[in-house]
Amino acid sequence: TTSASQLDASGFSASSGINLKALSTNTDFIYIGNTGPFTGSSVGFAMDPGDNIFLNISNTNKIWVQSNSGTQVITYLAS
């Protein structure tokens, strides 16, 4: 989405953390933040297509995502 939104607004508790992956077929950055709303590159952590990152946090509702175009996809695995 072009405006910041929660990765999973309903939330999922994770005991170990959350792994995020931007699909390799994306054509733009996905920005990751911990509050919303934020303005892309001014605050967020930029993920290139194909990038992944592990976050040691306890709930999916603590992650906010944004892209410059609405066609980007991010996947996650919480454990």
Protein backbone atom coordinates (compact mmCIF):
# COMPACT_ATOMS: atom_id res chain seq x y z
CA THR A 1 0.00 0.00 0.00
CA THR A 2 1.12 3.59 -0.56
CA SER A 3 0.10 4.56 2.98
CA ALA A 4 1.47 2.90 6.10
CA SER A 5 -0.61 0.03 7.43
CA GLN A 6 -0.11 -2.67 10.02
CA LEU A 7 1.30 -5.94 8.74
CA ASP A 8 -1.41 -7.79 10.68
CA ALA A 9 -3.83 -5.48 12.50
CA SER A 10 -5.47 -8.35 14.43
CA GLY A 11 -2.06 -9.37 15.74
CA PHE A 12 -0.36 -12.69 16.28
CA SER A 13 1.81 -13.34 19.33
CA ALA A 14 5.29 -14.59 18.57
CA SER A 15 7.59 -16.11 21.17
CA SER A 16 10.78 -16.05 19.07
CA GLY A 17 10.23 -13.20 16.60
CA ILE A 18 9.08 -12.47 13.07
CA ASN A 19 10.86 -13.07 9.77
CA LEU A 20 9.86 -10.73 6.90
CA LYS A 21 10.57 -11.30 3.20
CA ALA A 22 9.91 -8.97 0.28
CA LEU A 23 9.03 -10.98 -2.81
CA SER A 24 11.77 -11.07 -5.45
CA THR A 25 9.18 -10.10 -8.06
CA ASN A 26 8.55 -6.72 -6.36
CA THR A 27 9.55 -3.68 -8.39
CA ASP A 28 9.98 -1.15 -5.57
CA PHE A 29 11.11 -0.79 -1.96
CA ILE A 30 8.92 -1.81 0.95
CA TYR A 31 9.48 0.34 4.04
CA ILE A 32 9.18 -1.20 7.51
CA GLY A 33 8.42 0.86 10.61
CA ASN A 34 7.19 0.41 14.16
CA THR A 35 4.58 3.15 14.23
CA GLY A 36 1.97 4.38 11.84
CA PRO A 37 1.50 6.43 9.90
CA PHE A 38 5.03 7.17 8.75
CA THR A 39 6.43 8.58 5.52
CA GLY A 40 8.38 5.89 3.65
CA SER A 41 12.08 6.56 3.37
CA SER A 42 12.03 9.38 5.95
CA VAL A 43 11.44 6.91 8.80
CA GLY A 44 11.13 3.35 7.53
CA PHE A 45 13.72 0.63 6.96
CA ALA A 46 13.89 0.00 3.19
CA MET A 47 13.67 -3.57 1.90
CA ASP A 48 14.73 -4.23 -1.69
CA PRO A 49 12.92 -6.91 -3.70
CA GLY A 50 14.06 -10.29 -2.36
CA ASP A 51 15.37 -8.91 0.95
CA ASN A 52 14.54 -10.54 4.25
CA ILE A 53 14.96 -9.48 7.86
CA PHE A 54 14.35 -11.06 11.26
CA LEU A 55 12.76 -8.88 13.93
CA ASN A 56 12.96 -9.89 17.58
CA ILE A 57 9.50 -8.59 18.50
CA SER A 58 6.50 -10.20 20.16
CA ASN A 59 3.53 -9.39 17.91
CA THR A 60 2.81 -8.88 14.21
CA ASN A 61 0.69 -5.80 14.99
CA LYS A 62 3.86 -3.92 15.97
CA ILE A 63 5.06 -3.86 12.33
CA TRP A 64 3.94 -1.20 9.87
CA VAL A 65 4.65 -1.41 6.13
CA GLN A 66 4.47 0.98 3.21
CA SER A 67 5.55 1.12 -0.42
CA ASN A 68 5.60 3.80 -3.10
CA SER A 69 3.25 1.72 -5.24
CA GLY A 70 0.42 -0.54 -4.18
CA THR A 71 1.63 -3.64 -6.03
CA GLN A 72 4.43 -4.74 -3.67
CA VAL A 73 4.12 -7.90 -1.54
CA ILE A 74 5.73 -8.83 1.77
CA THR A 75 5.39 -12.19 3.50
CA TYR A 76 6.07 -13.13 7.10
CA LEU A 77 6.60 -16.07 9.38
CA ALA A 78 6.06 -15.62 13.11
CA SER A 79 7.19 -18.21 15.64
